[in-house]
C-alpha atoms as a PDB file:
ATOM      1  CA  MET A   1      -8.653 -15.898 -14.619  1.00  0.00           C
ATOM      2  CA  ASP A   2     -11.144 -15.155 -17.546  1.00  0.00           C
ATOM      3  CA  LEU A   3     -10.473 -12.368 -19.850  1.00  0.00           C
ATOM      4  CA  SER A   4     -13.336 -10.363 -20.922  1.00  0.00           C
ATOM      5  CA  ASN A   5     -15.151 -10.676 -24.487  1.00  0.00           C
ATOM      6  CA  ILE A   6     -13.234  -8.024 -26.876  1.00  0.00           C
ATOM      7  CA  ASP A   7     -15.609  -6.915 -29.537  1.00  0.00           C
ATOM      8  CA  PHE A   8     -15.715  -4.691 -32.190  1.00  0.00           C
ATOM      9  CA  LYS A   9     -18.875  -2.949 -33.487  1.00  0.00           C
ATOM     10  CA  VAL A  10     -18.269  -3.632 -37.453  1.00  0.00           C
ATOM     11  CA  GLY A  11     -19.455  -0.060 -38.887  1.00  0.00           C
ATOM     12  CA  SER A  12     -18.461   2.002 -36.190  1.00  0.00           C
ATOM     13  CA  VAL A  13     -17.104   5.246 -36.089  1.00  0.00           C
ATOM     14  CA  ASN A  14     -13.085   4.639 -35.379  1.00  0.00           C
ATOM     15  CA  PRO A  15     -10.587   7.587 -36.185  1.00  0.00           C
ATOM     16  CA  SER A  16      -6.925   7.190 -36.352  1.00  0.00           C
ATOM     17  CA  GLY A  17      -4.191   9.482 -35.853  1.00  0.00           C
ATOM     18  CA  VAL A  18      -4.003  11.978 -32.801  1.00  0.00           C
ATOM     19  CA  SER A  19      -5.231  15.694 -31.642  1.00  0.00           C
ATOM     20  CA  SER A  20      -3.140  18.075 -32.803  1.00  0.00           C
ATOM     21  CA  GLU A  21      -2.583  19.571 -29.641  1.00  0.00           C
ATOM     22  CA  VAL A  22       0.311  17.448 -26.910  1.00  0.00           C
ATOM     23  CA  TYR A  23       0.986  18.271 -23.618  1.00  0.00           C
ATOM     24  CA  PHE A  24       4.428  17.846 -22.138  1.00  0.00           C
ATOM     25  CA  ILE A  25       6.033  18.614 -18.951  1.00  0.00           C
ATOM     26  CA  PRO A  26       9.889  17.869 -17.813  1.00  0.00           C
ATOM     27  CA  LYS A  27       9.916  15.171 -15.502  1.00  0.00           C
ATOM     28  CA  SER A  28      11.509  16.923 -12.812  1.00  0.00           C
ATOM     29  CA  TYR A  29       8.642  19.095 -12.213  1.00  0.00           C
ATOM     30  CA  ILE A  30       6.621  16.189 -11.123  1.00  0.00           C
ATOM     31  CA  THR A  31       6.612  15.347  -7.351  1.00  0.00           C
ATOM     32  CA  ALA A  32       3.549  12.688  -7.237  1.00  0.00           C
ATOM     33  CA  TRP A  33       2.240  10.576 -10.118  1.00  0.00           C
ATOM     34  CA  PRO A  34      -1.176   9.138 -10.509  1.00  0.00           C
ATOM     35  CA  ALA A  35      -1.366   5.857  -9.075  1.00  0.00           C
ATOM     36  CA  ILE A  36      -1.675   2.191 -11.355  1.00  0.00           C
ATOM     37  CA  ILE A  37      -3.679  -0.743 -11.332  1.00  0.00           C
ATOM     38  CA  ASP A  38      -1.119  -3.354 -11.808  1.00  0.00           C
ATOM     39  CA  ASP A  39      -3.590  -6.118 -11.006  1.00  0.00           C
ATOM     40  CA  PHE A  40      -4.978  -7.770 -14.243  1.00  0.00           C
ATOM     41  CA  GLU A  41      -8.500  -8.603 -13.265  1.00  0.00           C
ATOM     42  CA  THR A  42      -9.048  -5.557 -11.922  1.00  0.00           C
ATOM     43  CA  ALA A  43      -7.333  -3.009 -14.731  1.00  0.00           C
ATOM     44  CA  LEU A  44      -9.531  -5.072 -17.139  1.00  0.00           C
ATOM     45  CA  LEU A  45     -12.829  -3.272 -15.218  1.00  0.00           C
ATOM     46  CA  CYS A  46     -11.347   0.205 -15.669  1.00  0.00           C
ATOM     47  CA  ASP A  47      -8.841   2.806 -16.647  1.00  0.00           C
ATOM     48  CA  ASP A  48      -4.992   2.300 -15.513  1.00  0.00           C
ATOM     49  CA  TYR A  49      -4.441   5.399 -13.331  1.00  0.00           C
ATOM     50  CA  VAL A  50      -6.668   5.444 -10.829  1.00  0.00           C
ATOM     51  CA  GLU A  51      -6.553   5.370  -6.472  1.00  0.00           C
ATOM     52  CA  TYR A  52      -8.275   1.988  -6.515  1.00  0.00           C
ATOM     53  CA  GLY A  53      -9.272   2.585  -2.731  1.00  0.00           C
ATOM     54  CA  ASP A  54     -10.878   6.093  -2.793  1.00  0.00           C
ATOM     55  CA  GLU A  55     -12.479   5.418  -6.064  1.00  0.00           C
ATOM     56  CA  THR A  56     -11.199   8.847  -7.241  1.00  0.00           C
ATOM     57  CA  VAL A  57      -8.713   9.651 -10.119  1.00  0.00           C
ATOM     58  CA  SER A  58      -5.508  10.439  -9.462  1.00  0.00           C
ATOM     59  CA  ASP A  59      -3.956  13.440 -10.671  1.00  0.00           C
ATOM     60  CA  PHE A  60       0.178  14.429 -11.173  1.00  0.00           C
ATOM     61  CA  SER A  61       1.146  16.525  -8.908  1.00  0.00           C
ATOM     62  CA  LEU A  62       3.724  19.550  -9.978  1.00  0.00           C
ATOM     63  CA  VAL A  63       6.316  21.529  -8.190  1.00  0.00           C
ATOM     64  CA  SER A  64       4.735  24.852  -7.283  1.00  0.00           C
ATOM     65  CA  GLY A  65       4.318  27.490 -10.097  1.00  0.00           C
ATOM     66  CA  LYS A  66       5.004  24.946 -12.951  1.00  0.00           C
ATOM     67  CA  ARG A  67       2.799  24.182 -15.563  1.00  0.00           C
ATOM     68  CA  TRP A  68       2.389  21.726 -18.572  1.00  0.00           C
ATOM     69  CA  SER A  69       3.275  23.227 -21.507  1.00  0.00           C
ATOM     70  CA  ARG A  70       0.920  22.355 -25.140  1.00  0.00           C
ATOM     71  CA  LEU A  71       2.851  21.565 -28.483  1.00  0.00           C
ATOM     72  CA  TYR A  72       1.080  21.978 -31.677  1.00  0.00           C
ATOM     73  CA  ASN A  73       1.352  18.465 -33.659  1.00  0.00           C
ATOM     74  CA  THR A  74       0.281  18.403 -37.909  1.00  0.00           C
ATOM     75  CA  GLN A  75      -2.880  17.099 -38.171  1.00  0.00           C
ATOM     76  CA  GLY A  76      -2.354  13.928 -40.174  1.00  0.00           C
ATOM     77  CA  LYS A  77       1.042  13.265 -38.686  1.00  0.00           C
ATOM     78  CA  GLY A  78       1.211  12.226 -35.420  1.00  0.00           C
ATOM     79  CA  LYS A  79       0.712   8.593 -34.232  1.00  0.00           C
ATOM     80  CA  ILE A  80       0.953   6.887 -30.777  1.00  0.00           C
ATOM     81  CA  ASN A  81       1.814   3.408 -30.957  1.00  0.00           C
ATOM     82  CA  TRP A  82       3.832   0.382 -28.855  1.00  0.00           C
ATOM     83  CA  GLU A  83       5.446  -2.766 -29.078  1.00  0.00           C
ATOM     84  CA  TYR A  84       7.193  -5.393 -26.424  1.00  0.00           C
ATOM     85  CA  GLN A  85      10.362  -6.199 -25.726  1.00  0.00           C
ATOM     86  CA  GLY A  86      12.928  -8.337 -23.570  1.00  0.00           C
ATOM     87  CA  GLU A  87      13.471 -12.185 -22.799  1.00  0.00           C
ATOM     88  CA  ALA A  88      10.555 -14.441 -21.547  1.00  0.00           C
ATOM     89  CA  ASP A  89       8.750 -13.695 -18.034  1.00  0.00           C
ATOM     90  CA  CYS A  90      10.980 -10.333 -18.503  1.00  0.00           C
ATOM     91  CA  LYS A  91       8.858  -8.911 -21.326  1.00  0.00           C
ATOM     92  CA  ILE A  92       8.615  -5.082 -21.002  1.00  0.00           C
ATOM     93  CA  VAL A  93       6.609  -2.427 -23.034  1.00  0.00           C
ATOM     94  CA  VAL A  94       7.965   0.722 -24.791  1.00  0.00           C
ATOM     95  CA  ASN A  95       5.290   3.074 -25.308  1.00  0.00           C
ATOM     96  CA  LYS A  96       6.041   5.410 -28.854  1.00  0.00           C
ATOM     97  CA  ALA A  97       4.688   8.610 -30.080  1.00  0.00           C
ATOM     98  CA  SER A  98       5.724  10.555 -33.376  1.00  0.00           C
ATOM     99  CA  ILE A  99       4.705  14.578 -33.114  1.00  0.00           C
ATOM    100  CA  SER A 100       5.344  17.326 -36.123  1.00  0.00           C
ATOM    101  CA  TYR A 101       5.703  20.638 -35.474  1.00  0.00           C
ATOM    102  CA  PRO A 102       5.759  22.695 -38.737  1.00  0.00           C
ATOM    103  CA  LYS A 103       8.330  25.154 -38.150  1.00  0.00           C
ATOM    104  CA  ILE A 104      11.736  25.839 -37.483  1.00  0.00           C
ATOM    105  CA  THR A 105      11.189  28.597 -34.500  1.00  0.00           C
ATOM    106  CA  ASN A 106      13.478  29.738 -31.886  1.00  0.00           C
ATOM    107  CA  GLU A 107      10.967  27.979 -29.607  1.00  0.00           C
ATOM    108  CA  ILE A 108      11.161  24.702 -30.859  1.00  0.00           C
ATOM    109  CA  ARG A 109      14.796  24.849 -31.486  1.00  0.00           C
ATOM    110  CA  ALA A 110      15.332  25.661 -27.748  1.00  0.00           C
ATOM    111  CA  PHE A 111      13.122  22.850 -26.787  1.00  0.00           C
ATOM    112  CA  ALA A 112      15.055  20.468 -29.051  1.00  0.00           C
ATOM    113  CA  LYS A 113      18.035  21.343 -27.396  1.00  0.00           C
ATOM    114  CA  ASN A 114      16.596  21.024 -23.967  1.00  0.00           C
ATOM    115  CA  ALA A 115      14.639  17.513 -25.071  1.00  0.00           C
ATOM    116  CA  ALA A 116      17.760  15.180 -26.731  1.00  0.00           C
ATOM    117  CA  ASN A 117      19.432  14.551 -23.299  1.00  0.00           C
ATOM    118  CA  GLY A 118      16.332  15.631 -20.954  1.00  0.00           C
ATOM    119  CA  ASP A 119      14.041  13.260 -19.851  1.00  0.00           C
ATOM    120  CA  PHE A 120       9.939  14.535 -20.539  1.00  0.00           C
ATOM    121  CA  VAL A 121       6.683  13.357 -20.393  1.00  0.00           C
ATOM    122  CA  PHE A 122       3.753  13.621 -22.864  1.00  0.00           C
ATOM    123  CA  VAL A 123      -0.096  13.404 -22.398  1.00  0.00           C
ATOM    124  CA  ILE A 124      -1.306  12.904 -25.844  1.00  0.00           C
ATOM    125  CA  ARG A 125      -5.060  12.573 -26.849  1.00  0.00           C
ATOM    126  CA  HIS A 126      -6.135   9.810 -29.285  1.00  0.00           C
ATOM    127  CA  ASP A 127      -9.593   8.715 -29.653  1.00  0.00           C
ATOM    128  CA  GLY A 128     -11.764  10.668 -27.063  1.00  0.00           C
ATOM    129  CA  LYS A 129      -8.975   9.747 -23.939  1.00  0.00           C
ATOM    130  CA  PHE A 130      -5.422  11.242 -23.160  1.00  0.00           C
ATOM    131  CA  TYR A 131      -2.695   8.578 -22.807  1.00  0.00           C
ATOM    132  CA  ILE A 132       0.296   9.075 -21.659  1.00  0.00           C
ATOM    133  CA  ILE A 133       4.286   8.879 -23.209  1.00  0.00           C
ATOM    134  CA  GLY A 134       6.790   8.875 -19.959  1.00  0.00           C
ATOM    135  CA  SER A 135       7.404   6.943 -16.545  1.00  0.00           C
ATOM    136  CA  LYS A 136       7.970   7.422 -13.618  1.00  0.00           C
ATOM    137  CA  ASP A 137      10.627   4.240 -13.645  1.00  0.00           C
ATOM    138  CA  TYR A 138      12.212   4.813 -16.858  1.00  0.00           C
ATOM    139  CA  ARG A 139      13.450   7.354 -19.373  1.00  0.00           C
ATOM    140  CA  ALA A 140      12.159   8.495 -22.119  1.00  0.00           C
ATOM    141  CA  VAL A 141      14.181   8.786 -25.065  1.00  0.00           C
ATOM    142  CA  LEU A 142      13.802  11.797 -27.925  1.00  0.00           C
ATOM    143  CA  THR A 143      14.830  11.772 -31.055  1.00  0.00           C
ATOM    144  CA  LEU A 144      14.476  15.218 -32.796  1.00  0.00           C
ATOM    145  CA  ASN A 145      15.070  16.094 -36.517  1.00  0.00           C
ATOM    146  CA  GLY A 146      14.915  19.432 -38.348  1.00  0.00           C
ATOM    147  CA  ASP A 147      14.123  20.068 -42.390  1.00  0.00           C
ATOM    148  CA  SER A 148      13.613  23.717 -44.015  1.00  0.00           C
ATOM    149  CA  GLY A 149      11.834  21.218 -46.903  1.00  0.00           C
ATOM    150  CA  ASP A 150      13.270  21.240 -50.298  1.00  0.00           C
ATOM    151  CA  SER A 151      10.304  22.458 -52.172  1.00  0.00           C
ATOM    152  CA  ALA A 152       6.711  24.619 -52.449  1.00  0.00           C
ATOM    153  CA  GLY A 153       4.743  22.578 -50.346  1.00  0.00           C
ATOM    154  CA  SER A 154       6.879  20.171 -49.265  1.00  0.00           C
ATOM    155  CA  ALA A 155       6.776  19.230 -45.082  1.00  0.00           C
ATOM    156  CA  LYS A 156       9.051  21.123 -43.122  1.00  0.00           C
ATOM    157  CA  GLY A 157       9.843  21.569 -39.572  1.00  0.00           C
ATOM    158  CA  ILE A 158      10.859  19.482 -36.741  1.00  0.00           C
ATOM    159  CA  THR A 159       9.784  15.909 -36.236  1.00  0.00           C
ATOM    160  CA  ILE A 160      10.111  14.527 -32.491  1.00  0.00           C
ATOM    161  CA  GLU A 161      10.057  10.316 -31.822  1.00  0.00           C
ATOM    162  CA  ILE A 162      10.104   9.691 -28.467  1.00  0.00           C
ATOM    163  CA  GLU A 163       9.930   6.104 -27.034  1.00  0.00           C
ATOM    164  CA  CYS A 164       9.523   5.068 -23.129  1.00  0.00           C
ATOM    165  CA  PRO A 165       9.886   1.822 -21.286  1.00  0.00           C
ATOM    166  CA  ASP A 166       6.483   1.247 -19.277  1.00  0.00           C
ATOM    167  CA  VAL A 167       4.756  -1.685 -17.190  1.00  0.00           C
ATOM    168  CA  THR A 168       1.535  -0.739 -19.726  1.00  0.00           C
ATOM    169  CA  PRO A 169       0.841  -0.377 -23.137  1.00  0.00           C
ATOM    170  CA  LEU A 170      -0.843   3.545 -23.753  1.00  0.00           C
ATOM    171  CA  PRO A 171      -1.700   4.043 -19.945  1.00  0.00           C
ATOM    172  CA  THR A 172      -4.636   6.382 -19.695  1.00  0.00           C
ATOM    173  CA  TYR A 173      -5.108   9.385 -17.734  1.00  0.00           C
ATOM    174  CA  LYS A 174      -8.108  10.865 -16.146  1.00  0.00           C
ATOM    175  CA  GLY A 175      -7.109  13.284 -13.725  1.00  0.00           C
ATOM    176  CA  LEU A 176      -6.456  17.546 -14.102  1.00  0.00           C
ATOM    177  CA  LEU A 177      -3.387  19.283 -16.460  1.00  0.00           C
ATOM    178  CA  LEU A 178      -2.336  22.638 -14.557  1.00  0.00           C
ATOM    179  CA  LEU A 179      -1.868  24.794 -17.786  1.00  0.00           C
ATOM    180  CA  ASN A 180      -0.449  28.345 -18.021  1.00  0.00           C
ATOM    181  CA  ASP A 181      -3.784  29.492 -18.747  1.00  0.00           C
ATOM    182  CA  GLY A 182      -6.413  27.341 -17.480  1.00  0.00           C
ATOM    183  CA  VAL A 183      -6.939  23.141 -16.061  1.00  0.00           C
ATOM    184  CA  LEU A 184      -7.422  20.917 -18.643  1.00  0.00           C
ATOM    185  CA  ASP A 185      -9.859  18.012 -17.172  1.00  0.00           C
ATOM    186  CA  CYS A 186      -8.632  14.583 -18.892  1.00  0.00           C
ATOM    187  CA  ASN A 187     -12.268  13.311 -18.121  1.00  0.00           C
ATOM    188  CA  SER A 188     -14.250  15.343 -20.047  1.00  0.00           C
ATOM    189  CA  ASN A 189     -11.306  16.668 -22.060  1.00  0.00           C
ATOM    190  CA  LEU A 190     -12.292  20.701 -21.239  1.00  0.00           C
ATOM    191  CA  ILE A 191     -10.450  23.599 -20.199  1.00  0.00           C
ATOM    192  CA  ILE A 192     -11.162  26.059 -17.977  1.00  0.00           C
ATOM    193  CA  ASN A 193      -9.924  29.234 -18.538  1.00  0.00           C
ATOM    194  CA  TYR A 194      -8.621  31.139 -14.757  1.00  0.00           C
ATOM    195  CA  ASN A 195     -10.174  34.297 -15.883  1.00  0.00           C
ATOM    196  CA  ASP A 196     -13.236  32.863 -16.662  1.00  0.00           C
ATOM    197  CA  MET A 197     -13.663  30.641 -13.264  1.00  0.00           C
ATOM    198  CA  SER A 198     -16.634  31.592 -11.032  1.00  0.00           C
ATOM    199  CA  THR A 199     -15.193  33.863  -7.907  1.00  0.00           C
ATOM    200  CA  ASN A 200     -16.793  31.229  -5.699  1.00  0.00           C
ATOM    201  CA  LEU A 201     -16.407  27.451  -5.995  1.00  0.00           C
ATOM    202  CA  ILE A 202     -19.146  25.374  -3.973  1.00  0.00           C
ATOM    203  CA  LYS A 203     -18.893  21.644  -3.881  1.00  0.00           C
ATOM    204  CA  ASN A 204     -20.507  19.236  -1.577  1.00  0.00           C
ATOM    205  CA  TYR A 205     -19.711  16.180  -0.588  1.00  0.00           C
ATOM    206  CA  ASP A 206     -21.536  13.439   1.626  1.00  0.00           C
ATOM    207  CA  ILE A 207     -18.519  11.827   3.759  1.00  0.00           C
ATOM    208  CA  GLU A 208     -20.328  10.055   6.655  1.00  0.00           C
ATOM    209  CA  ASP A 209     -20.087   6.022   7.775  1.00  0.00           C
ATOM    210  CA  GLY A 210     -15.752   7.209   7.924  1.00  0.00           C
ATOM    211  CA  ASN A 211     -15.494   7.093   3.807  1.00  0.00           C
ATOM    212  CA  SER A 212     -13.289  10.075   2.770  1.00  0.00           C
ATOM    213  CA  VAL A 213     -12.897  12.835  -0.479  1.00  0.00           C
ATOM    214  CA  ARG A 214     -10.236  13.913  -2.540  1.00  0.00           C
ATOM    215  CA  ILE A 215      -9.887  17.557  -3.904  1.00  0.00           C
ATOM    216  CA  THR A 216      -6.715  18.902  -5.540  1.00  0.00           C
ATOM    217  CA  ALA A 217      -5.631  22.632  -4.739  1.00  0.00           C
ATOM    218  CA  LEU A 218      -5.361  25.264  -7.837  1.00  0.00           C
ATOM    219  CA  SER A 219      -4.092  27.634  -5.809  1.00  0.00           C
ATOM    220  CA  GLU A 220      -2.527  28.115  -2.021  1.00  0.00           C
ATOM    221  CA  LYS A 221      -5.543  28.808   0.151  1.00  0.00           C
ATOM    222  CA  GLY A 222      -8.934  28.346   0.392  1.00  0.00           C
ATOM    223  CA  ARG A 223     -11.763  27.249   3.392  1.00  0.00           C
ATOM    224  CA  ILE A 224     -13.527  24.204   3.666  1.00  0.00           C
ATOM    225  CA  HIS A 225     -17.229  24.537   5.037  1.00  0.00           C
ATOM    226  CA  LEU A 226     -18.040  21.437   7.321  1.00  0.00           C
ATOM    227  CA  GLU A 227     -21.744  20.329   8.762  1.00  0.00           C
ATOM    228  CA  GLY A 228     -22.156  17.438  10.927  1.00  0.00           C
ATOM    229  CA  GLU A 229     -20.005  16.360  13.765  1.00  0.00           C
ATOM    230  CA  GLY A 230     -17.486  13.570  14.398  1.00  0.00           C
ATOM    231  CA  ASP A 231     -13.744  13.450  14.034  1.00  0.00           C
ATOM    232  CA  ILE A 232     -12.077  15.011  11.028  1.00  0.00           C
ATOM    233  CA  VAL A 233      -8.933  14.706   9.643  1.00  0.00           C
ATOM    234  CA  PHE A 234      -7.260  16.413   6.778  1.00  0.00           C
ATOM    235  CA  GLU A 235      -4.339  14.810   4.879  1.00  0.00           C
ATOM    236  CA  THR A 236      -1.677  16.338   2.465  1.00  0.00           C
ATOM    237  CA  ALA A 237       0.018  14.074  -0.209  1.00  0.00           C
ATOM    238  CA  VAL A 238       3.770  14.462  -0.466  1.00  0.00           C
ATOM    239  CA  ASP A 239       5.849  12.148  -2.231  1.00  0.00           C
ATOM    240  CA  ASP A 240       2.271  10.441  -3.040  1.00  0.00           C
ATOM    241  CA  VAL A 241       1.999   9.739   0.741  1.00  0.00           C
ATOM    242  CA  TYR A 242      -0.995  11.356   2.468  1.00  0.00           C
ATOM    243  CA  GLN A 243       0.311  12.804   5.749  1.00  0.00           C
ATOM    244  CA  GLU A 244      -2.109  14.532   8.460  1.00  0.00           C
ATOM    245  CA  GLN A 245      -1.775  17.983   9.036  1.00  0.00           C
ATOM    246  CA  GLU A 246      -3.191  19.549  12.326  1.00  0.00           C
ATOM    247  CA  HIS A 247      -6.328  21.629  12.221  1.00  0.00           C
ATOM    248  CA  GLU A 248      -8.405  22.392  15.073  1.00  0.00           C
ATOM    249  CA  VAL A 249     -12.278  21.927  13.892  1.00  0.00           C
ATOM    250  CA  SER A 250     -15.001  23.002  16.654  1.00  0.00           C
ATOM    251  CA  PHE A 251     -18.486  22.639  15.426  1.00  0.00           C
ATOM    252  CA  ASP A 252     -20.593  25.875  16.376  1.00  0.00           C
ATOM    253  CA  GLU A 253     -23.976  25.216  18.252  1.00  0.00           C
ATOM    254  CA  ASN A 254     -25.656  24.995  14.416  1.00  0.00           C
ATOM    255  CA  GLY A 255     -23.175  21.549  14.020  1.00  0.00           C
ATOM    256  CA  VAL A 256     -21.107  24.118  11.419  1.00  0.00           C
ATOM    257  CA  ALA A 257     -17.444  24.246  11.290  1.00  0.00           C
ATOM    258  CA  VAL A 258     -15.228  26.627   9.198  1.00  0.00           C
ATOM    259  CA  VAL A 259     -11.162  25.395   8.179  1.00  0.00           C
ATOM    260  CA  PRO A 260      -8.932  27.311   6.493  1.00  0.00           C
ATOM    261  CA  ILE A 261      -6.629  25.877   4.053  1.00  0.00           C
ATOM    262  CA  SER A 262      -2.862  26.203   2.470  1.00  0.00           C
ATOM    263  CA  ALA A 263      -1.577  23.987   0.337  1.00  0.00           C
ATOM    264  CA  CYS A 264       0.733  24.284  -2.697  1.00  0.00           C
ATOM    265  CA  ILE A 265      -0.644  24.126  -6.314  1.00  0.00           C
ATOM    266  CA  GLY A 266      -1.075  20.720  -7.298  1.00  0.00           C
ATOM    267  CA  ASP A 267      -1.153  19.382  -4.148  1.00  0.00           C
ATOM    268  CA  LYS A 268      -4.059  16.265  -2.625  1.00  0.00           C
ATOM    269  CA  ILE A 269      -5.810  16.990   0.070  1.00  0.00           C
ATOM    270  CA  ARG A 270      -7.895  13.986   1.573  1.00  0.00           C
ATOM    271  CA  ILE A 271     -10.579  14.949   4.112  1.00  0.00           C
ATOM    272  CA  SER A 272     -11.565  11.584   6.253  1.00  0.00           C
ATOM    273  CA  ALA A 273     -14.423  11.832   8.794  1.00  0.00           C
ATOM    274  CA  THR A 274     -16.321   9.373  10.981  1.00  0.00           C
ATOM    275  CA  THR A 275     -19.668  10.713  11.490  1.00  0.00           C
ATOM    276  CA  LEU A 276     -19.505  14.080   9.720  1.00  0.00           C
ATOM    277  CA  THR A 277     -22.988  14.594   7.218  1.00  0.00           C
ATOM    278  CA  LYS A 278     -21.206  16.960   4.679  1.00  0.00           C
ATOM    279  CA  ALA A 279     -18.447  19.190   3.485  1.00  0.00           C
ATOM    280  CA  THR A 280     -18.696  22.210   1.404  1.00  0.00           C
ATOM    281  CA  VAL A 281     -15.726  23.617  -0.380  1.00  0.00           C
ATOM    282  CA  ASN A 282     -16.086  26.810  -0.817  1.00  0.00           C
ATOM    283  CA  TRP A 283     -12.563  28.078  -2.694  1.00  0.00           C
ATOM    284  CA  SER A 284     -12.081  31.099  -4.434  1.00  0.00           C
ATOM    285  CA  ARG A 285     -11.427  31.338  -8.221  1.00  0.00           C
ATOM    286  CA  VAL A 286     -11.631  27.813  -8.329  1.00  0.00           C
ATOM    287  CA  GLU A 287      -9.041  26.763  -6.540  1.00  0.00           C
ATOM    288  CA  MET A 288     -10.128  22.972  -5.457  1.00  0.00           C
ATOM    289  CA  ALA A 289     -11.242  20.592  -8.207  1.00  0.00           C
ATOM    290  CA  GLU A 290     -12.189  17.173  -7.084  1.00  0.00           C
ATOM    291  CA  ARG A 291     -12.578  14.282  -9.704  1.00  0.00           C
ATOM    292  CA  SER A 292     -14.810  11.043  -9.176  1.00  0.00           C
ATOM    293  CA  ILE A 293     -15.272   7.623 -11.731  1.00  0.00           C
END
């Protein structure tokens, strides 16, 4: 096993610090986690959270109706870091973050009360990438301290220290985050507001020769238009395992079929076919979103 070269361009732009906007959610709201690559040689060549077999970015699946929340962070205060702990041959990384909220409010005090003995997952942007502080297998420990400040202009508010064991130093995430007012695409760092979404989302996919396409439901109903022929399988991920759904698909004389799909928000749906030539997703109000590497 050979490591790739680890170079740095002297004089390049290299900003420090984290974004002023942090995203968080109680871990109990997550029903399925993105898949992570643990193979060392493979992980060197791509980002951490991917479904390698399908070559599509994994998403968090949430309990129906639940959303990620925002937490403001004072610019220049927050940071992420990691360190290793443990005995020889049993080392594990501890991912850490520090967040500073500049005011004592009812909302932040309620969060502090709930988070002190809770288990949360955070997504934090740094240098154009989104990093996950939180783990499917380990509990995140939060320490929250409040301060009124002591003189005019002095720092005040809540400081949140986060620590969570993990197998990867600061795993990156390129999937979707469902927010109260829209969808954040962590691959492009763009937020699509629900009110601004097109009334019809039409996307075309070529899934011939036994390939698959994976899409994520952003609402509960929609239709998929199919053109071609062959055996078609629809599957929905439950607890991160795809399970086949029963759908009667019959093509008309023009080789076209329309299939209604019902899914919970955040469900992952996979379409597989043997000789199908094209699938068109026609979903009202952008209720499906596909992520490809």
